Amino acid sequence: MADITIERVYDYRRDPDRAGAVFLVDRLWPRGVSKADLDGVEWAPDAAPSPNLRIWFGHSAERFEEFSGRYRAELDSRPEHAEAILAAARSGPVTLLYAAKDPQVNHAAVLKTWCEEQL
């Protein structure tokens, strides 16, 4: 099974001993985070939900179940948007960074599960 974890971008600290690839999976660059803070992190904005879906969701817990289904449908229709993540996960651990406040109600949790199912 793939070793994919998710972590809030604001909690991320570069660690030379950390194995594997790290991807920022937000469509928008996170506020207050410099490019230097994420040196060595690959930005995968196309793996994030479409702008319309992101806006509709609005990080609402009440919409999370429907959001998850819609986002998974987007990923199913364009799996190439997550191919770099899948390729990295085939060869080692992967960390997905996201900016949302809620560690359970966010698109990275959905993306993690979807990627694990693809592998």
N, C-alpha and C. Protein backbone atom coordinates (compact mmCIF):
# COMPACT_ATOMS: atom_id res chain seq x y z
N MET A 1 0.84 -1.19 0.00
CA MET A 1 0.00 0.00 0.00
C MET A 1 0.89 1.26 0.00
N ALA A 2 0.40 2.25 -0.68
CA ALA A 2 1.15 3.50 -0.80
C ALA A 2 1.26 4.21 0.56
N ASP A 3 2.37 4.87 0.75
CA ASP A 3 2.59 5.65 1.97
C ASP A 3 2.36 7.12 1.63
N ILE A 4 1.10 7.54 1.74
CA ILE A 4 0.73 8.92 1.43
C ILE A 4 0.18 9.54 2.70
N THR A 5 0.74 10.70 3.07
CA THR A 5 0.26 11.43 4.23
C THR A 5 -0.15 12.83 3.80
N ILE A 6 -0.98 13.45 4.61
CA ILE A 6 -1.34 14.84 4.37
C ILE A 6 -0.89 15.67 5.57
N GLU A 7 -0.54 16.92 5.28
CA GLU A 7 -0.05 17.81 6.33
C GLU A 7 -0.43 19.24 5.97
N ARG A 8 -0.80 19.97 6.96
CA ARG A 8 -1.13 21.38 6.73
C ARG A 8 0.15 22.14 6.37
N VAL A 9 0.10 22.92 5.32
CA VAL A 9 1.29 23.61 4.81
C VAL A 9 1.90 24.53 5.87
N TYR A 10 1.07 25.07 6.75
CA TYR A 10 1.57 25.98 7.77
C TYR A 10 2.34 25.25 8.87
N ASP A 11 2.19 23.92 8.94
CA ASP A 11 2.91 23.11 9.92
C ASP A 11 4.16 22.47 9.32
N TYR A 12 4.30 22.57 8.01
CA TYR A 12 5.40 21.90 7.30
C TYR A 12 6.74 22.57 7.59
N ARG A 13 7.71 21.74 7.87
CA ARG A 13 9.09 22.19 8.02
C ARG A 13 9.97 21.26 7.21
N ARG A 14 10.85 21.83 6.41
CA ARG A 14 11.78 21.00 5.65
C ARG A 14 12.62 20.18 6.60
N ASP A 15 12.76 18.93 6.28
CA ASP A 15 13.57 18.02 7.10
C ASP A 15 14.41 17.18 6.15
N PRO A 16 15.73 17.36 6.16
CA PRO A 16 16.56 16.61 5.24
C PRO A 16 16.48 15.10 5.45
N ASP A 17 16.01 14.67 6.61
CA ASP A 17 15.88 13.24 6.88
C ASP A 17 14.54 12.67 6.42
N ARG A 18 13.63 13.55 5.98
CA ARG A 18 12.31 13.11 5.53
C ARG A 18 12.47 12.44 4.16
N ALA A 19 11.99 11.23 4.08
CA ALA A 19 12.07 10.50 2.81
C ALA A 19 10.86 10.82 1.95
N GLY A 20 11.06 10.77 0.65
CA GLY A 20 9.95 10.87 -0.28
C GLY A 20 9.72 12.26 -0.83
N ALA A 21 8.68 12.33 -1.64
CA ALA A 21 8.31 13.56 -2.35
C ALA A 21 7.26 14.33 -1.56
N VAL A 22 7.30 15.66 -1.72
CA VAL A 22 6.33 16.53 -1.06
C VAL A 22 5.68 17.39 -2.14
N PHE A 23 4.34 17.44 -2.12
CA PHE A 23 3.58 18.21 -3.10
C PHE A 23 2.65 19.18 -2.39
N LEU A 24 2.63 20.41 -2.85
CA LEU A 24 1.59 21.37 -2.45
C LEU A 24 0.44 21.14 -3.41
N VAL A 25 -0.74 20.78 -2.88
CA VAL A 25 -1.85 20.40 -3.74
C VAL A 25 -3.00 21.41 -3.71
N ASP A 26 -2.68 22.65 -3.40
CA ASP A 26 -3.68 23.73 -3.45
C ASP A 26 -3.59 24.43 -4.80
N ARG A 27 -4.73 24.86 -5.30
CA ARG A 27 -4.75 25.59 -6.57
C ARG A 27 -4.17 26.99 -6.40
N LEU A 28 -4.38 27.59 -5.23
CA LEU A 28 -3.85 28.92 -4.95
C LEU A 28 -2.67 28.79 -4.00
N TRP A 29 -1.68 29.65 -4.19
CA TRP A 29 -0.52 29.62 -3.29
C TRP A 29 -0.99 30.07 -1.90
N PRO A 30 -0.59 29.37 -0.85
CA PRO A 30 -1.07 29.70 0.49
C PRO A 30 -0.57 31.05 0.99
N ARG A 31 -1.46 31.80 1.60
CA ARG A 31 -1.12 33.11 2.16
C ARG A 31 -0.03 33.02 3.19
N GLY A 32 0.92 33.93 3.11
CA GLY A 32 1.95 34.03 4.12
C GLY A 32 3.07 33.00 4.01
N VAL A 33 3.04 32.18 2.97
CA VAL A 33 4.07 31.16 2.78
C VAL A 33 4.94 31.59 1.60
N SER A 34 6.22 31.69 1.84
CA SER A 34 7.12 32.11 0.75
C SER A 34 7.55 30.90 -0.07
N LYS A 35 8.00 31.17 -1.27
CA LYS A 35 8.53 30.10 -2.12
C LYS A 35 9.72 29.44 -1.42
N ALA A 36 10.53 30.22 -0.71
CA ALA A 36 11.68 29.67 0.00
C ALA A 36 11.24 28.70 1.10
N ASP A 37 10.09 28.97 1.73
CA ASP A 37 9.57 28.07 2.76
C ASP A 37 9.30 26.68 2.20
N LEU A 38 8.96 26.65 0.91
CA LEU A 38 8.60 25.38 0.28
C LEU A 38 9.63 24.95 -0.75
N ASP A 39 10.86 25.33 -0.53
CA ASP A 39 11.94 24.90 -1.41
C ASP A 39 11.99 23.38 -1.45
N GLY A 40 12.01 22.82 -2.65
CA GLY A 40 12.03 21.37 -2.80
C GLY A 40 10.66 20.73 -2.86
N VAL A 41 9.62 21.53 -2.65
CA VAL A 41 8.25 21.04 -2.72
C VAL A 41 7.73 21.29 -4.14
N GLU A 42 7.10 20.28 -4.72
CA GLU A 42 6.53 20.44 -6.05
C GLU A 42 5.09 20.94 -5.91
N TRP A 43 4.76 22.00 -6.65
CA TRP A 43 3.40 22.54 -6.63
C TRP A 43 2.60 21.83 -7.70
N ALA A 44 1.47 21.25 -7.31
CA ALA A 44 0.59 20.52 -8.22
C ALA A 44 -0.81 21.14 -8.20
N PRO A 45 -0.95 22.38 -8.71
CA PRO A 45 -2.25 23.06 -8.63
C PRO A 45 -3.34 22.36 -9.43
N ASP A 46 -3.00 21.67 -10.50
CA ASP A 46 -4.02 21.00 -11.30
C ASP A 46 -4.62 19.78 -10.60
N ALA A 47 -3.94 19.28 -9.56
CA ALA A 47 -4.48 18.16 -8.80
C ALA A 47 -5.55 18.62 -7.81
N ALA A 48 -5.65 19.92 -7.62
CA ALA A 48 -6.66 20.49 -6.71
C ALA A 48 -8.02 20.54 -7.40
N PRO A 49 -9.08 20.73 -6.64
CA PRO A 49 -10.41 20.87 -7.25
C PRO A 49 -10.46 22.07 -8.20
N SER A 50 -11.35 21.99 -9.16
CA SER A 50 -11.53 23.11 -10.09
C SER A 50 -11.94 24.35 -9.31
N PRO A 51 -11.68 25.53 -9.86
CA PRO A 51 -12.06 26.76 -9.15
C PRO A 51 -13.55 26.79 -8.78
N ASN A 52 -14.42 26.39 -9.69
CA ASN A 52 -15.86 26.41 -9.40
C ASN A 52 -16.22 25.47 -8.25
N LEU A 53 -15.63 24.28 -8.25
CA LEU A 53 -15.92 23.32 -7.18
C LEU A 53 -15.36 23.82 -5.86
N ARG A 54 -14.17 24.38 -5.88
CA ARG A 54 -13.55 24.90 -4.66
C ARG A 54 -14.42 26.01 -4.04
N ILE A 55 -14.90 26.91 -4.89
CA ILE A 55 -15.74 28.01 -4.41
C ILE A 55 -17.07 27.48 -3.87
N TRP A 56 -17.69 26.55 -4.60
CA TRP A 56 -18.96 25.98 -4.16
C TRP A 56 -18.80 25.30 -2.80
N PHE A 57 -17.72 24.54 -2.61
CA PHE A 57 -17.48 23.80 -1.37
C PHE A 57 -17.29 24.75 -0.20
N GLY A 58 -16.43 25.73 -0.35
CA GLY A 58 -16.21 26.70 0.72
C GLY A 58 -15.80 26.10 2.06
N HIS A 59 -15.23 24.91 2.04
CA HIS A 59 -14.79 24.21 3.26
C HIS A 59 -15.94 23.97 4.24
N SER A 60 -17.12 23.78 3.69
CA SER A 60 -18.31 23.52 4.50
C SER A 60 -18.40 22.03 4.84
N ALA A 61 -18.42 21.72 6.13
CA ALA A 61 -18.53 20.32 6.55
C ALA A 61 -19.82 19.69 6.04
N GLU A 62 -20.87 20.48 5.96
CA GLU A 62 -22.16 19.97 5.49
C GLU A 62 -22.10 19.56 4.01
N ARG A 63 -21.21 20.16 3.25
CA ARG A 63 -21.10 19.86 1.82
C ARG A 63 -19.98 18.86 1.52
N PHE A 64 -19.26 18.42 2.54
CA PHE A 64 -18.06 17.62 2.30
C PHE A 64 -18.35 16.32 1.56
N GLU A 65 -19.41 15.62 1.92
CA GLU A 65 -19.72 14.35 1.26
C GLU A 65 -19.99 14.56 -0.23
N GLU A 66 -20.81 15.54 -0.56
CA GLU A 66 -21.09 15.82 -1.96
C GLU A 66 -19.85 16.35 -2.67
N PHE A 67 -19.10 17.21 -1.99
CA PHE A 67 -17.85 17.72 -2.55
C PHE A 67 -16.91 16.57 -2.89
N SER A 68 -16.78 15.62 -1.98
CA SER A 68 -15.89 14.47 -2.20
C SER A 68 -16.26 13.73 -3.48
N GLY A 69 -17.55 13.50 -3.67
CA GLY A 69 -18.00 12.81 -4.89
C GLY A 69 -17.70 13.61 -6.14
N ARG A 70 -17.95 14.90 -6.08
CA ARG A 70 -17.69 15.76 -7.25
C ARG A 70 -16.19 15.85 -7.56
N TYR A 71 -15.39 15.97 -6.51
CA TYR A 71 -13.94 16.08 -6.69
C TYR A 71 -13.38 14.77 -7.25
N ARG A 72 -13.85 13.65 -6.71
CA ARG A 72 -13.41 12.35 -7.22
C ARG A 72 -13.78 12.20 -8.70
N ALA A 73 -14.94 12.70 -9.08
CA ALA A 73 -15.34 12.65 -10.50
C ALA A 73 -14.39 13.48 -11.35
N GLU A 74 -13.98 14.65 -10.84
CA GLU A 74 -13.00 15.46 -11.55
C GLU A 74 -11.68 14.70 -11.71
N LEU A 75 -11.23 14.07 -10.64
CA LEU A 75 -9.98 13.32 -10.70
C LEU A 75 -10.09 12.14 -11.66
N ASP A 76 -11.23 11.45 -11.64
CA ASP A 76 -11.45 10.33 -12.55
C ASP A 76 -11.43 10.77 -14.01
N SER A 77 -11.94 11.98 -14.27
CA SER A 77 -12.01 12.46 -15.65
C SER A 77 -10.67 13.02 -16.14
N ARG A 78 -9.79 13.36 -15.22
CA ARG A 78 -8.48 13.91 -15.58
C ARG A 78 -7.38 13.35 -14.66
N PRO A 79 -7.17 12.04 -14.70
CA PRO A 79 -6.18 11.43 -13.81
C PRO A 79 -4.76 11.94 -14.06
N GLU A 80 -4.52 12.47 -15.25
CA GLU A 80 -3.18 12.99 -15.55
C GLU A 80 -2.81 14.16 -14.65
N HIS A 81 -3.80 14.83 -14.07
CA HIS A 81 -3.52 15.96 -13.18
C HIS A 81 -2.85 15.50 -11.88
N ALA A 82 -3.02 14.24 -11.56
CA ALA A 82 -2.40 13.69 -10.34
C ALA A 82 -1.29 12.70 -10.67
N GLU A 83 -0.89 12.60 -11.92
CA GLU A 83 0.09 11.59 -12.32
C GLU A 83 1.44 11.76 -11.63
N ALA A 84 1.90 12.98 -11.44
CA ALA A 84 3.19 13.18 -10.77
C ALA A 84 3.14 12.65 -9.33
N ILE A 85 2.01 12.85 -8.68
CA ILE A 85 1.83 12.35 -7.31
C ILE A 85 1.81 10.83 -7.32
N LEU A 86 1.06 10.25 -8.25
CA LEU A 86 0.97 8.79 -8.34
C LEU A 86 2.33 8.17 -8.65
N ALA A 87 3.06 8.78 -9.58
CA ALA A 87 4.39 8.27 -9.94
C ALA A 87 5.32 8.30 -8.73
N ALA A 88 5.29 9.39 -7.99
CA ALA A 88 6.14 9.49 -6.79
C ALA A 88 5.72 8.45 -5.76
N ALA A 89 4.43 8.23 -5.59
CA ALA A 89 3.93 7.28 -4.59
C ALA A 89 4.28 5.84 -4.95
N ARG A 90 4.46 5.58 -6.24
CA ARG A 90 4.86 4.23 -6.65
C ARG A 90 6.29 3.90 -6.22
N SER A 91 7.09 4.94 -5.99
CA SER A 91 8.49 4.68 -5.66
C SER A 91 8.88 5.06 -4.23
N GLY A 92 7.96 5.62 -3.47
CA GLY A 92 8.30 5.97 -2.09
C GLY A 92 7.21 6.78 -1.42
N PRO A 93 7.48 7.24 -0.20
CA PRO A 93 6.48 8.01 0.54
C PRO A 93 6.21 9.36 -0.11
N VAL A 94 4.99 9.83 0.08
CA VAL A 94 4.55 11.12 -0.47
C VAL A 94 3.82 11.88 0.63
N THR A 95 4.08 13.18 0.71
CA THR A 95 3.34 14.06 1.61
C THR A 95 2.59 15.08 0.75
N LEU A 96 1.31 15.24 1.02
CA LEU A 96 0.47 16.22 0.34
C LEU A 96 0.23 17.38 1.30
N LEU A 97 0.62 18.58 0.89
CA LEU A 97 0.43 19.78 1.71
C LEU A 97 -0.82 20.53 1.27
N TYR A 98 -1.57 21.03 2.24
CA TYR A 98 -2.79 21.80 1.98
C TYR A 98 -2.87 22.94 2.97
N ALA A 99 -3.68 23.96 2.66
CA ALA A 99 -3.77 25.13 3.53
C ALA A 99 -5.03 25.17 4.39
N ALA A 100 -6.03 24.37 4.09
CA ALA A 100 -7.29 24.42 4.82
C ALA A 100 -7.06 24.21 6.32
N LYS A 101 -7.94 24.78 7.13
CA LYS A 101 -7.80 24.70 8.58
C LYS A 101 -8.19 23.33 9.14
N ASP A 102 -9.22 22.72 8.56
CA ASP A 102 -9.74 21.47 9.10
C ASP A 102 -8.95 20.28 8.55
N PRO A 103 -8.38 19.46 9.43
CA PRO A 103 -7.57 18.33 8.96
C PRO A 103 -8.37 17.18 8.35
N GLN A 104 -9.69 17.15 8.56
CA GLN A 104 -10.52 16.10 7.98
C GLN A 104 -11.36 16.59 6.81
N VAL A 105 -11.82 17.82 6.88
CA VAL A 105 -12.72 18.37 5.85
C VAL A 105 -11.88 19.24 4.92
N ASN A 106 -11.20 18.56 3.99
CA ASN A 106 -10.38 19.28 3.02
C ASN A 106 -10.13 18.39 1.81
N HIS A 107 -9.76 19.01 0.72
CA HIS A 107 -9.58 18.26 -0.52
C HIS A 107 -8.39 17.31 -0.49
N ALA A 108 -7.35 17.62 0.31
CA ALA A 108 -6.17 16.74 0.36
C ALA A 108 -6.54 15.37 0.91
N ALA A 109 -7.48 15.31 1.85
CA ALA A 109 -7.93 14.02 2.39
C ALA A 109 -8.59 13.19 1.29
N VAL A 110 -9.37 13.85 0.45
CA VAL A 110 -10.03 13.15 -0.67
C VAL A 110 -8.98 12.70 -1.68
N LEU A 111 -8.05 13.59 -2.02
CA LEU A 111 -7.00 13.28 -2.98
C LEU A 111 -6.15 12.11 -2.48
N LYS A 112 -5.82 12.09 -1.22
CA LYS A 112 -5.04 11.00 -0.63
C LYS A 112 -5.74 9.67 -0.84
N THR A 113 -7.02 9.60 -0.49
CA THR A 113 -7.78 8.36 -0.64
C THR A 113 -7.87 7.95 -2.11
N TRP A 114 -8.14 8.91 -2.98
CA TRP A 114 -8.24 8.63 -4.42
C TRP A 114 -6.92 8.07 -4.94
N CYS A 115 -5.80 8.68 -4.56
CA CYS A 115 -4.49 8.20 -5.01
C CYS A 115 -4.22 6.79 -4.51
N GLU A 116 -4.54 6.52 -3.26
CA GLU A 116 -4.33 5.19 -2.71
C GLU A 116 -5.13 4.15 -3.49
N GLU A 117 -6.34 4.51 -3.88
CA GLU A 117 -7.17 3.58 -4.66
C GLU A 117 -6.60 3.34 -6.06
N GLN A 118 -5.94 4.34 -6.63
CA GLN A 118 -5.36 4.20 -7.97
C GLN A 118 -4.14 3.27 -7.94
N LEU A 119 -3.49 3.22 -6.80
CA LEU A 119 -2.27 2.42 -6.68
C LEU A 119 -2.61 1.01 -6.26
